[in-house]
Amino acid sequence: VQALLTAIVESFRSQLPPKGAPLPINDR
């Protein structure tokens, strides 16, 4: 279960660039 939760978070985190990079933060 712990490995599953870690994999879930890593799935989201891996979609983002490194800290400080430009990103859209709303639908507009």
mmCIF file of all heavy atoms, coordinates in Angstrom:
data_MODEL
# 
_entry.id   MODEL 
# 
loop_
_atom_site.group_PDB 
_atom_site.id 
_atom_site.type_symbol 
_atom_site.label_atom_id 
_atom_site.label_alt_id 
_atom_site.label_comp_id 
_atom_site.label_asym_id 
_atom_site.label_entity_id 
_atom_site.label_seq_id 
_atom_site.pdbx_PDB_ins_code 
_atom_site.Cartn_x 
_atom_site.Cartn_y 
_atom_site.Cartn_z 
_atom_site.occupancy 
_atom_site.B_iso_or_equiv 
_atom_site.pdbx_formal_charge 
_atom_site.auth_seq_id 
_atom_site.auth_comp_id 
_atom_site.auth_asym_id 
_atom_site.auth_atom_id 
_atom_site.pdbx_PDB_model_num 
ATOM 1   N N   . VAL A 1 1  ? 0.831   -1.214 0.000   1.00 0.00 ? 1  VAL A N   1 
ATOM 2   C CA  . VAL A 1 1  ? 0.000   0.000  0.000   1.00 0.00 ? 1  VAL A CA  1 
ATOM 3   C C   . VAL A 1 1  ? 0.862   1.260  0.000   1.00 0.00 ? 1  VAL A C   1 
ATOM 4   O O   . VAL A 1 1  ? 0.573   2.225  -0.702  1.00 0.00 ? 1  VAL A O   1 
ATOM 5   C CB  . VAL A 1 1  ? -0.964  -0.003 1.202   1.00 0.00 ? 1  VAL A CB  1 
ATOM 6   C CG1 . VAL A 1 1  ? -1.686  1.337  1.328   1.00 0.00 ? 1  VAL A CG1 1 
ATOM 7   C CG2 . VAL A 1 1  ? -1.980  -1.131 1.049   1.00 0.00 ? 1  VAL A CG2 1 
ATOM 8   N N   . GLN A 1 2  ? 1.941   1.257  0.793   1.00 0.00 ? 2  GLN A N   1 
ATOM 9   C CA  . GLN A 1 2  ? 2.834   2.404  0.826   1.00 0.00 ? 2  GLN A CA  1 
ATOM 10  C C   . GLN A 1 2  ? 3.460   2.624  -0.554  1.00 0.00 ? 2  GLN A C   1 
ATOM 11  O O   . GLN A 1 2  ? 3.563   3.763  -1.035  1.00 0.00 ? 2  GLN A O   1 
ATOM 12  C CB  . GLN A 1 2  ? 3.940   2.185  1.860   1.00 0.00 ? 2  GLN A CB  1 
ATOM 13  C CG  . GLN A 1 2  ? 4.907   3.351  2.030   1.00 0.00 ? 2  GLN A CG  1 
ATOM 14  C CD  . GLN A 1 2  ? 4.316   4.479  2.845   1.00 0.00 ? 2  GLN A CD  1 
ATOM 15  O OE1 . GLN A 1 2  ? 3.291   4.287  3.496   1.00 0.00 ? 2  GLN A OE1 1 
ATOM 16  N NE2 . GLN A 1 2  ? 4.951   5.644  2.813   1.00 0.00 ? 2  GLN A NE2 1 
ATOM 17  N N   . ALA A 1 3  ? 3.845   1.546  -1.210  1.00 0.00 ? 3  ALA A N   1 
ATOM 18  C CA  . ALA A 1 3  ? 4.427   1.653  -2.551  1.00 0.00 ? 3  ALA A CA  1 
ATOM 19  C C   . ALA A 1 3  ? 3.405   2.196  -3.544  1.00 0.00 ? 3  ALA A C   1 
ATOM 20  O O   . ALA A 1 3  ? 3.755   2.963  -4.450  1.00 0.00 ? 3  ALA A O   1 
ATOM 21  C CB  . ALA A 1 3  ? 4.937   0.286  -3.013  1.00 0.00 ? 3  ALA A CB  1 
ATOM 22  N N   . LEU A 1 4  ? 2.146   1.817  -3.370  1.00 0.00 ? 4  LEU A N   1 
ATOM 23  C CA  . LEU A 1 4  ? 1.088   2.312  -4.256  1.00 0.00 ? 4  LEU A CA  1 
ATOM 24  C C   . LEU A 1 4  ? 0.896   3.817  -4.077  1.00 0.00 ? 4  LEU A C   1 
ATOM 25  O O   . LEU A 1 4  ? 0.803   4.563  -5.054  1.00 0.00 ? 4  LEU A O   1 
ATOM 26  C CB  . LEU A 1 4  ? -0.216  1.570  -3.967  1.00 0.00 ? 4  LEU A CB  1 
ATOM 27  C CG  . LEU A 1 4  ? -1.465  2.076  -4.708  1.00 0.00 ? 4  LEU A CG  1 
ATOM 28  C CD1 . LEU A 1 4  ? -1.255  2.027  -6.216  1.00 0.00 ? 4  LEU A CD1 1 
ATOM 29  C CD2 . LEU A 1 4  ? -2.686  1.264  -4.301  1.00 0.00 ? 4  LEU A CD2 1 
ATOM 30  N N   . LEU A 1 5  ? 0.829   4.287  -2.829  1.00 0.00 ? 5  LEU A N   1 
ATOM 31  C CA  . LEU A 1 5  ? 0.671   5.720  -2.572  1.00 0.00 ? 5  LEU A CA  1 
ATOM 32  C C   . LEU A 1 5  ? 1.857   6.506  -3.133  1.00 0.00 ? 5  LEU A C   1 
ATOM 33  O O   . LEU A 1 5  ? 1.689   7.576  -3.716  1.00 0.00 ? 5  LEU A O   1 
ATOM 34  C CB  . LEU A 1 5  ? 0.529   5.962  -1.070  1.00 0.00 ? 5  LEU A CB  1 
ATOM 35  C CG  . LEU A 1 5  ? -0.818  5.592  -0.461  1.00 0.00 ? 5  LEU A CG  1 
ATOM 36  C CD1 . LEU A 1 5  ? -0.731  5.542  1.060   1.00 0.00 ? 5  LEU A CD1 1 
ATOM 37  C CD2 . LEU A 1 5  ? -1.909  6.566  -0.900  1.00 0.00 ? 5  LEU A CD2 1 
ATOM 38  N N   . THR A 1 6  ? 3.042   5.963  -2.969  1.00 0.00 ? 6  THR A N   1 
ATOM 39  C CA  . THR A 1 6  ? 4.234   6.624  -3.509  1.00 0.00 ? 6  THR A CA  1 
ATOM 40  C C   . THR A 1 6  ? 4.165   6.713  -5.032  1.00 0.00 ? 6  THR A C   1 
ATOM 41  O O   . THR A 1 6  ? 4.509   7.738  -5.626  1.00 0.00 ? 6  THR A O   1 
ATOM 42  C CB  . THR A 1 6  ? 5.502   5.865  -3.083  1.00 0.00 ? 6  THR A CB  1 
ATOM 43  O OG1 . THR A 1 6  ? 5.583   5.851  -1.655  1.00 0.00 ? 6  THR A OG1 1 
ATOM 44  C CG2 . THR A 1 6  ? 6.752   6.521  -3.654  1.00 0.00 ? 6  THR A CG2 1 
ATOM 45  N N   . ALA A 1 7  ? 3.691   5.642  -5.657  1.00 0.00 ? 7  ALA A N   1 
ATOM 46  C CA  . ALA A 1 7  ? 3.573   5.628  -7.122  1.00 0.00 ? 7  ALA A CA  1 
ATOM 47  C C   . ALA A 1 7  ? 2.533   6.642  -7.602  1.00 0.00 ? 7  ALA A C   1 
ATOM 48  O O   . ALA A 1 7  ? 2.712   7.282  -8.645  1.00 0.00 ? 7  ALA A O   1 
ATOM 49  C CB  . ALA A 1 7  ? 3.204   4.222  -7.599  1.00 0.00 ? 7  ALA A CB  1 
ATOM 50  N N   . ILE A 1 8  ? 1.451   6.804  -6.847  1.00 0.00 ? 8  ILE A N   1 
ATOM 51  C CA  . ILE A 1 8  ? 0.418   7.780  -7.209  1.00 0.00 ? 8  ILE A CA  1 
ATOM 52  C C   . ILE A 1 8  ? 1.005   9.189  -7.208  1.00 0.00 ? 8  ILE A C   1 
ATOM 53  O O   . ILE A 1 8  ? 0.861   9.950  -8.173  1.00 0.00 ? 8  ILE A O   1 
ATOM 54  C CB  . ILE A 1 8  ? -0.767  7.691  -6.232  1.00 0.00 ? 8  ILE A CB  1 
ATOM 55  C CG1 . ILE A 1 8  ? -1.547  6.393  -6.459  1.00 0.00 ? 8  ILE A CG1 1 
ATOM 56  C CG2 . ILE A 1 8  ? -1.706  8.891  -6.410  1.00 0.00 ? 8  ILE A CG2 1 
ATOM 57  C CD1 . ILE A 1 8  ? -2.610  6.133  -5.410  1.00 0.00 ? 8  ILE A CD1 1 
ATOM 58  N N   . VAL A 1 9  ? 1.673   9.542  -6.109  1.00 0.00 ? 9  VAL A N   1 
ATOM 59  C CA  . VAL A 1 9  ? 2.262   10.882 -6.002  1.00 0.00 ? 9  VAL A CA  1 
ATOM 60  C C   . VAL A 1 9  ? 3.321   11.098 -7.064  1.00 0.00 ? 9  VAL A C   1 
ATOM 61  O O   . VAL A 1 9  ? 3.393   12.162 -7.690  1.00 0.00 ? 9  VAL A O   1 
ATOM 62  C CB  . VAL A 1 9  ? 2.842   11.088 -4.582  1.00 0.00 ? 9  VAL A CB  1 
ATOM 63  C CG1 . VAL A 1 9  ? 3.688   12.359 -4.533  1.00 0.00 ? 9  VAL A CG1 1 
ATOM 64  C CG2 . VAL A 1 9  ? 1.725   11.156 -3.564  1.00 0.00 ? 9  VAL A CG2 1 
ATOM 65  N N   . GLU A 1 10 ? 4.147   10.079 -7.292  1.00 0.00 ? 10 GLU A N   1 
ATOM 66  C CA  . GLU A 1 10 ? 5.207   10.208 -8.296  1.00 0.00 ? 10 GLU A CA  1 
ATOM 67  C C   . GLU A 1 10 ? 4.620   10.366 -9.695  1.00 0.00 ? 10 GLU A C   1 
ATOM 68  O O   . GLU A 1 10 ? 5.210   11.043 -10.549 1.00 0.00 ? 10 GLU A O   1 
ATOM 69  C CB  . GLU A 1 10 ? 6.125   8.982  -8.242  1.00 0.00 ? 10 GLU A CB  1 
ATOM 70  C CG  . GLU A 1 10 ? 7.361   9.089  -9.123  1.00 0.00 ? 10 GLU A CG  1 
ATOM 71  C CD  . GLU A 1 10 ? 8.181   10.337 -8.847  1.00 0.00 ? 10 GLU A CD  1 
ATOM 72  O OE1 . GLU A 1 10 ? 8.274   10.759 -7.682  1.00 0.00 ? 10 GLU A OE1 1 
ATOM 73  O OE2 . GLU A 1 10 ? 8.729   10.908 -9.820  1.00 0.00 ? 10 GLU A OE2 1 
ATOM 74  N N   . SER A 1 11 ? 3.445   9.778  -9.938  1.00 0.00 ? 11 SER A N   1 
ATOM 75  C CA  . SER A 1 11 ? 2.788   9.943  -11.244 1.00 0.00 ? 11 SER A CA  1 
ATOM 76  C C   . SER A 1 11 ? 2.460   11.407 -11.499 1.00 0.00 ? 11 SER A C   1 
ATOM 77  O O   . SER A 1 11 ? 2.617   11.899 -12.623 1.00 0.00 ? 11 SER A O   1 
ATOM 78  C CB  . SER A 1 11 ? 1.507   9.109  -11.300 1.00 0.00 ? 11 SER A CB  1 
ATOM 79  O OG  . SER A 1 11 ? 1.785   7.735  -11.231 1.00 0.00 ? 11 SER A OG  1 
ATOM 80  N N   . PHE A 1 12 ? 2.019   12.113 -10.465 1.00 0.00 ? 12 PHE A N   1 
ATOM 81  C CA  . PHE A 1 12 ? 1.728   13.540 -10.609 1.00 0.00 ? 12 PHE A CA  1 
ATOM 82  C C   . PHE A 1 12 ? 3.007   14.369 -10.652 1.00 0.00 ? 12 PHE A C   1 
ATOM 83  O O   . PHE A 1 12 ? 3.175   15.241 -11.500 1.00 0.00 ? 12 PHE A O   1 
ATOM 84  C CB  . PHE A 1 12 ? 0.839   14.017 -9.459  1.00 0.00 ? 12 PHE A CB  1 
ATOM 85  C CG  . PHE A 1 12 ? -0.534  13.418 -9.468  1.00 0.00 ? 12 PHE A CG  1 
ATOM 86  C CD1 . PHE A 1 12 ? -1.040  12.778 -8.352  1.00 0.00 ? 12 PHE A CD1 1 
ATOM 87  C CD2 . PHE A 1 12 ? -1.322  13.478 -10.611 1.00 0.00 ? 12 PHE A CD2 1 
ATOM 88  C CE1 . PHE A 1 12 ? -2.306  12.216 -8.366  1.00 0.00 ? 12 PHE A CE1 1 
ATOM 89  C CE2 . PHE A 1 12 ? -2.597  12.930 -10.632 1.00 0.00 ? 12 PHE A CE2 1 
ATOM 90  C CZ  . PHE A 1 12 ? -3.086  12.287 -9.509  1.00 0.00 ? 12 PHE A CZ  1 
ATOM 91  N N   . ARG A 1 13 ? 3.913   14.075 -9.729  1.00 0.00 ? 13 ARG A N   1 
ATOM 92  C CA  . ARG A 1 13 ? 5.145   14.858 -9.639  1.00 0.00 ? 13 ARG A CA  1 
ATOM 93  C C   . ARG A 1 13 ? 5.971   14.763 -10.924 1.00 0.00 ? 13 ARG A C   1 
ATOM 94  O O   . ARG A 1 13 ? 6.586   15.743 -11.344 1.00 0.00 ? 13 ARG A O   1 
ATOM 95  C CB  . ARG A 1 13 ? 5.969   14.374 -8.436  1.00 0.00 ? 13 ARG A CB  1 
ATOM 96  C CG  . ARG A 1 13 ? 7.187   15.247 -8.140  1.00 0.00 ? 13 ARG A CG  1 
ATOM 97  C CD  . ARG A 1 13 ? 7.954   14.703 -6.952  1.00 0.00 ? 13 ARG A CD  1 
ATOM 98  N NE  . ARG A 1 13 ? 7.285   14.982 -5.704  1.00 0.00 ? 13 ARG A NE  1 
ATOM 99  C CZ  . ARG A 1 13 ? 6.992   14.075 -4.783  1.00 0.00 ? 13 ARG A CZ  1 
ATOM 100 N NH1 . ARG A 1 13 ? 7.289   12.805 -4.995  1.00 0.00 ? 13 ARG A NH1 1 
ATOM 101 N NH2 . ARG A 1 13 ? 6.395   14.411 -3.655  1.00 0.00 ? 13 ARG A NH2 1 
ATOM 102 N N   . SER A 1 14 ? 5.973   13.612 -11.552 1.00 0.00 ? 14 SER A N   1 
ATOM 103 C CA  . SER A 1 14 ? 6.782   13.418 -12.757 1.00 0.00 ? 14 SER A CA  1 
ATOM 104 C C   . SER A 1 14 ? 6.260   14.217 -13.949 1.00 0.00 ? 14 SER A C   1 
ATOM 105 O O   . SER A 1 14 ? 6.973   14.399 -14.931 1.00 0.00 ? 14 SER A O   1 
ATOM 106 C CB  . SER A 1 14 ? 6.830   11.930 -13.123 1.00 0.00 ? 14 SER A CB  1 
ATOM 107 O OG  . SER A 1 14 ? 5.528   11.448 -13.457 1.00 0.00 ? 14 SER A OG  1 
ATOM 108 N N   . GLN A 1 15 ? 5.017   14.680 -13.869 1.00 0.00 ? 15 GLN A N   1 
ATOM 109 C CA  . GLN A 1 15 ? 4.444   15.463 -14.960 1.00 0.00 ? 15 GLN A CA  1 
ATOM 110 C C   . GLN A 1 15 ? 4.883   16.928 -14.900 1.00 0.00 ? 15 GLN A C   1 
ATOM 111 O O   . GLN A 1 15 ? 4.659   17.682 -15.853 1.00 0.00 ? 15 GLN A O   1 
ATOM 112 C CB  . GLN A 1 15 ? 2.911   15.428 -14.884 1.00 0.00 ? 15 GLN A CB  1 
ATOM 113 C CG  . GLN A 1 15 ? 2.314   14.038 -14.927 1.00 0.00 ? 15 GLN A CG  1 
ATOM 114 C CD  . GLN A 1 15 ? 2.637   13.292 -16.194 1.00 0.00 ? 15 GLN A CD  1 
ATOM 115 O OE1 . GLN A 1 15 ? 2.395   13.778 -17.297 1.00 0.00 ? 15 GLN A OE1 1 
ATOM 116 N NE2 . GLN A 1 15 ? 3.212   12.107 -16.051 1.00 0.00 ? 15 GLN A NE2 1 
ATOM 117 N N   . LEU A 1 16 ? 5.513   17.331 -13.794 1.00 0.00 ? 16 LEU A N   1 
ATOM 118 C CA  . LEU A 1 16 ? 5.879   18.730 -13.598 1.00 0.00 ? 16 LEU A CA  1 
ATOM 119 C C   . LEU A 1 16 ? 7.368   18.937 -13.828 1.00 0.00 ? 16 LEU A C   1 
ATOM 120 O O   . LEU A 1 16 ? 8.181   18.065 -13.526 1.00 0.00 ? 16 LEU A O   1 
ATOM 121 C CB  . LEU A 1 16 ? 5.512   19.177 -12.181 1.00 0.00 ? 16 LEU A CB  1 
ATOM 122 C CG  . LEU A 1 16 ? 4.027   19.089 -11.813 1.00 0.00 ? 16 LEU A CG  1 
ATOM 123 C CD1 . LEU A 1 16 ? 3.832   19.463 -10.353 1.00 0.00 ? 16 LEU A CD1 1 
ATOM 124 C CD2 . LEU A 1 16 ? 3.191   19.991 -12.707 1.00 0.00 ? 16 LEU A CD2 1 
ATOM 125 N N   . PRO A 1 17 ? 7.750   20.101 -14.341 1.00 0.00 ? 17 PRO A N   1 
ATOM 126 C CA  . PRO A 1 17 ? 9.167   20.425 -14.544 1.00 0.00 ? 17 PRO A CA  1 
ATOM 127 C C   . PRO A 1 17 ? 9.836   20.765 -13.212 1.00 0.00 ? 17 PRO A C   1 
ATOM 128 O O   . PRO A 1 17 ? 9.171   20.809 -12.168 1.00 0.00 ? 17 PRO A O   1 
ATOM 129 C CB  . PRO A 1 17 ? 9.106   21.652 -15.467 1.00 0.00 ? 17 PRO A CB  1 
ATOM 130 C CG  . PRO A 1 17 ? 7.797   22.296 -15.146 1.00 0.00 ? 17 PRO A CG  1 
ATOM 131 C CD  . PRO A 1 17 ? 6.860   21.173 -14.812 1.00 0.00 ? 17 PRO A CD  1 
ATOM 132 N N   . PRO A 1 18 ? 11.152  21.028 -13.207 1.00 0.00 ? 18 PRO A N   1 
ATOM 133 C CA  . PRO A 1 18 ? 11.844  21.367 -11.958 1.00 0.00 ? 18 PRO A CA  1 
ATOM 134 C C   . PRO A 1 18 ? 11.295  22.632 -11.316 1.00 0.00 ? 18 PRO A C   1 
ATOM 135 O O   . PRO A 1 18 ? 10.630  23.446 -11.965 1.00 0.00 ? 18 PRO A O   1 
ATOM 136 C CB  . PRO A 1 18 ? 13.296  21.564 -12.413 1.00 0.00 ? 18 PRO A CB  1 
ATOM 137 C CG  . PRO A 1 18 ? 13.410  20.819 -13.699 1.00 0.00 ? 18 PRO A CG  1 
ATOM 138 C CD  . PRO A 1 18 ? 12.071  20.931 -14.351 1.00 0.00 ? 18 PRO A CD  1 
ATOM 139 N N   . LYS A 1 19 ? 11.601  22.807 -10.048 1.00 0.00 ? 19 LYS A N   1 
ATOM 140 C CA  . LYS A 1 19 ? 11.166  23.971 -9.269  1.00 0.00 ? 19 LYS A CA  1 
ATOM 141 C C   . LYS A 1 19 ? 11.582  25.267 -9.970  1.00 0.00 ? 19 LYS A C   1 
ATOM 142 O O   . LYS A 1 19 ? 12.686  25.384 -10.493 1.00 0.00 ? 19 LYS A O   1 
ATOM 143 C CB  . LYS A 1 19 ? 11.783  23.916 -7.872  1.00 0.00 ? 19 LYS A CB  1 
ATOM 144 C CG  . LYS A 1 19 ? 11.450  25.113 -6.989  1.00 0.00 ? 19 LYS A CG  1 
ATOM 145 C CD  . LYS A 1 19 ? 12.026  24.944 -5.608  1.00 0.00 ? 19 LYS A CD  1 
ATOM 146 C CE  . LYS A 1 19 ? 11.870  26.212 -4.782  1.00 0.00 ? 19 LYS A CE  1 
ATOM 147 N NZ  . LYS A 1 19 ? 10.468  26.671 -4.700  1.00 0.00 ? 19 LYS A NZ  1 
ATOM 148 N N   . GLY A 1 20 ? 10.664  26.231 -9.972  1.00 0.00 ? 20 GLY A N   1 
ATOM 149 C CA  . GLY A 1 20 ? 10.959  27.532 -10.563 1.00 0.00 ? 20 GLY A CA  1 
ATOM 150 C C   . GLY A 1 20 ? 10.562  27.670 -12.015 1.00 0.00 ? 20 GLY A C   1 
ATOM 151 O O   . GLY A 1 20 ? 10.622  28.766 -12.572 1.00 0.00 ? 20 GLY A O   1 
ATOM 152 N N   . ALA A 1 21 ? 10.148  26.563 -12.651 1.00 0.00 ? 21 ALA A N   1 
ATOM 153 C CA  . ALA A 1 21 ? 9.780   26.611 -14.063 1.00 0.00 ? 21 ALA A CA  1 
ATOM 154 C C   . ALA A 1 21 ? 8.402   27.250 -14.241 1.00 0.00 ? 21 ALA A C   1 
ATOM 155 O O   . ALA A 1 21 ? 7.563   27.186 -13.347 1.00 0.00 ? 21 ALA A O   1 
ATOM 156 C CB  . ALA A 1 21 ? 9.781   25.201 -14.651 1.00 0.00 ? 21 ALA A CB  1 
ATOM 157 N N   . PRO A 1 22 ? 8.147   27.880 -15.400 1.00 0.00 ? 22 PRO A N   1 
ATOM 158 C CA  . PRO A 1 22 ? 6.830   28.482 -15.647 1.00 0.00 ? 22 PRO A CA  1 
ATOM 159 C C   . PRO A 1 22 ? 5.765   27.415 -15.840 1.00 0.00 ? 22 PRO A C   1 
ATOM 160 O O   . PRO A 1 22 ? 5.995   26.400 -16.504 1.00 0.00 ? 22 PRO A O   1 
ATOM 161 C CB  . PRO A 1 22 ? 7.055   29.284 -16.927 1.00 0.00 ? 22 PRO A CB  1 
ATOM 162 C CG  . PRO A 1 22 ? 8.193   28.611 -17.616 1.00 0.00 ? 22 PRO A CG  1 
ATOM 163 C CD  . PRO A 1 22 ? 9.085   28.107 -16.523 1.00 0.00 ? 22 PRO A CD  1 
ATOM 164 N N   . LEU A 1 23 ? 4.577   27.665 -15.265 1.00 0.00 ? 23 LEU A N   1 
ATOM 165 C CA  . LEU A 1 23 ? 3.472   26.720 -15.358 1.00 0.00 ? 23 LEU A CA  1 
ATOM 166 C C   . LEU A 1 23 ? 2.145   27.462 -15.338 1.00 0.00 ? 23 LEU A C   1 
ATOM 167 O O   . LEU A 1 23 ? 1.996   28.460 -14.627 1.00 0.00 ? 23 LEU A O   1 
ATOM 168 C CB  . LEU A 1 23 ? 3.488   25.746 -14.175 1.00 0.00 ? 23 LEU A CB  1 
ATOM 169 C CG  . LEU A 1 23 ? 4.549   24.654 -14.144 1.00 0.00 ? 23 LEU A CG  1 
ATOM 170 C CD1 . LEU A 1 23 ? 4.547   23.977 -12.794 1.00 0.00 ? 23 LEU A CD1 1 
ATOM 171 C CD2 . LEU A 1 23 ? 4.298   23.642 -15.246 1.00 0.00 ? 23 LEU A CD2 1 
ATOM 172 N N   . PRO A 1 24 ? 1.150   26.986 -16.087 1.00 0.00 ? 24 PRO A N   1 
ATOM 173 C CA  . PRO A 1 24 ? -0.213  27.530 -15.942 1.00 0.00 ? 24 PRO A CA  1 
ATOM 174 C C   . PRO A 1 24 ? -0.833  26.965 -14.676 1.00 0.00 ? 24 PRO A C   1 
ATOM 175 O O   . PRO A 1 24 ? -0.680  25.775 -14.383 1.00 0.00 ? 24 PRO A O   1 
ATOM 176 C CB  . PRO A 1 24 ? -0.933  27.029 -17.198 1.00 0.00 ? 24 PRO A CB  1 
ATOM 177 C CG  . PRO A 1 24 ? -0.205  25.763 -17.555 1.00 0.00 ? 24 PRO A CG  1 
ATOM 178 C CD  . PRO A 1 24 ? 1.229   25.963 -17.147 1.00 0.00 ? 24 PRO A CD  1 
ATOM 179 N N   . ILE A 1 25 ? -1.535  27.815 -13.907 1.00 0.00 ? 25 ILE A N   1 
ATOM 180 C CA  . ILE A 1 25 ? -2.077  27.328 -12.628 1.00 0.00 ? 25 ILE A CA  1 
ATOM 181 C C   . ILE A 1 25 ? -3.600  27.488 -12.555 1.00 0.00 ? 25 ILE A C   1 
ATOM 182 O O   . ILE A 1 25 ? -4.158  27.378 -11.468 1.00 0.00 ? 25 ILE A O   1 
ATOM 183 C CB  . ILE A 1 25 ? -1.381  28.009 -11.428 1.00 0.00 ? 25 ILE A CB  1 
ATOM 184 C CG1 . ILE A 1 25 ? -1.231  29.527 -11.593 1.00 0.00 ? 25 ILE A CG1 1 
ATOM 185 C CG2 . ILE A 1 25 ? 0.001   27.399 -11.203 1.00 0.00 ? 25 ILE A CG2 1 
ATOM 186 C CD1 . ILE A 1 25 ? -2.378  30.316 -11.189 1.00 0.00 ? 25 ILE A CD1 1 
ATOM 187 N N   . ASN A 1 26 ? -4.262  27.714 -13.687 1.00 0.00 ? 26 ASN A N   1 
ATOM 188 C CA  . ASN A 1 26 ? -5.727  27.673 -13.728 1.00 0.00 ? 26 ASN A CA  1 
ATOM 189 C C   . ASN A 1 26 ? -6.159  27.370 -15.159 1.00 0.00 ? 26 ASN A C   1 
ATOM 190 O O   . ASN A 1 26 ? -5.337  27.309 -16.080 1.00 0.00 ? 26 ASN A O   1 
ATOM 191 C CB  . ASN A 1 26 ? -6.361  28.961 -13.201 1.00 0.00 ? 26 ASN A CB  1 
ATOM 192 C CG  . ASN A 1 26 ? -5.956  30.188 -14.002 1.00 0.00 ? 26 ASN A CG  1 
ATOM 193 O OD1 . ASN A 1 26 ? -5.659  30.108 -15.193 1.00 0.00 ? 26 ASN A OD1 1 
ATOM 194 N ND2 . ASN A 1 26 ? -5.944  31.344 -13.353 1.00 0.00 ? 26 ASN A ND2 1 
ATOM 195 N N   . ASP A 1 27 ? -7.443  27.160 -15.358 1.00 0.00 ? 27 ASP A N   1 
ATOM 196 C CA  . ASP A 1 27 ? -7.952  26.764 -16.673 1.00 0.00 ? 27 ASP A CA  1 
ATOM 197 C C   . ASP A 1 27 ? -7.736  27.844 -17.726 1.00 0.00 ? 27 ASP A C   1 
ATOM 198 O O   . ASP A 1 27 ? -7.473  27.543 -18.892 1.00 0.00 ? 27 ASP A O   1 
ATOM 199 C CB  . ASP A 1 27 ? -9.442  26.415 -16.572 1.00 0.00 ? 27 ASP A CB  1 
ATOM 200 C CG  . ASP A 1 27 ? -9.693  25.123 -15.819 1.00 0.00 ? 27 ASP A CG  1 
ATOM 201 O OD1 . ASP A 1 27 ? -8.751  24.302 -15.734 1.00 0.00 ? 27 ASP A OD1 1 
ATOM 202 O OD2 . ASP A 1 27 ? -10.812 24.935 -15.300 1.00 0.00 ? 27 ASP A OD2 1 
ATOM 203 N N   . ARG A 1 28 ? -7.873  29.120 -17.342 1.00 0.00 ? 28 ARG A N   1 
ATOM 204 C CA  . ARG A 1 28 ? -7.672  30.198 -18.317 1.00 0.00 ? 28 ARG A CA  1 
ATOM 205 C C   . ARG A 1 28 ? -6.232  30.200 -18.826 1.00 0.00 ? 28 ARG A C   1 
ATOM 206 O O   . ARG A 1 28 ? -5.991  30.293 -20.029 1.00 0.00 ? 28 ARG A O   1 
ATOM 207 C CB  . ARG A 1 28 ? -8.002  31.553 -17.681 1.00 0.00 ? 28 ARG A CB  1 
ATOM 208 C CG  . ARG A 1 28 ? -7.986  32.715 -18.684 1.00 0.00 ? 28 ARG A CG  1 
ATOM 209 C CD  . ARG A 1 28 ? -7.921  34.064 -18.000 1.00 0.00 ? 28 ARG A CD  1 
ATOM 210 N NE  . ARG A 1 28 ? -6.619  34.329 -17.432 1.00 0.00 ? 28 ARG A NE  1 
ATOM 211 C CZ  . ARG A 1 28 ? -5.580  34.793 -18.137 1.00 0.00 ? 28 ARG A CZ  1 
ATOM 212 N NH1 . ARG A 1 28 ? -5.696  35.020 -19.426 1.00 0.00 ? 28 ARG A NH1 1 
ATOM 213 N NH2 . ARG A 1 28 ? -4.423  35.017 -17.538 1.00 0.00 ? 28 ARG A NH2 1 
# 
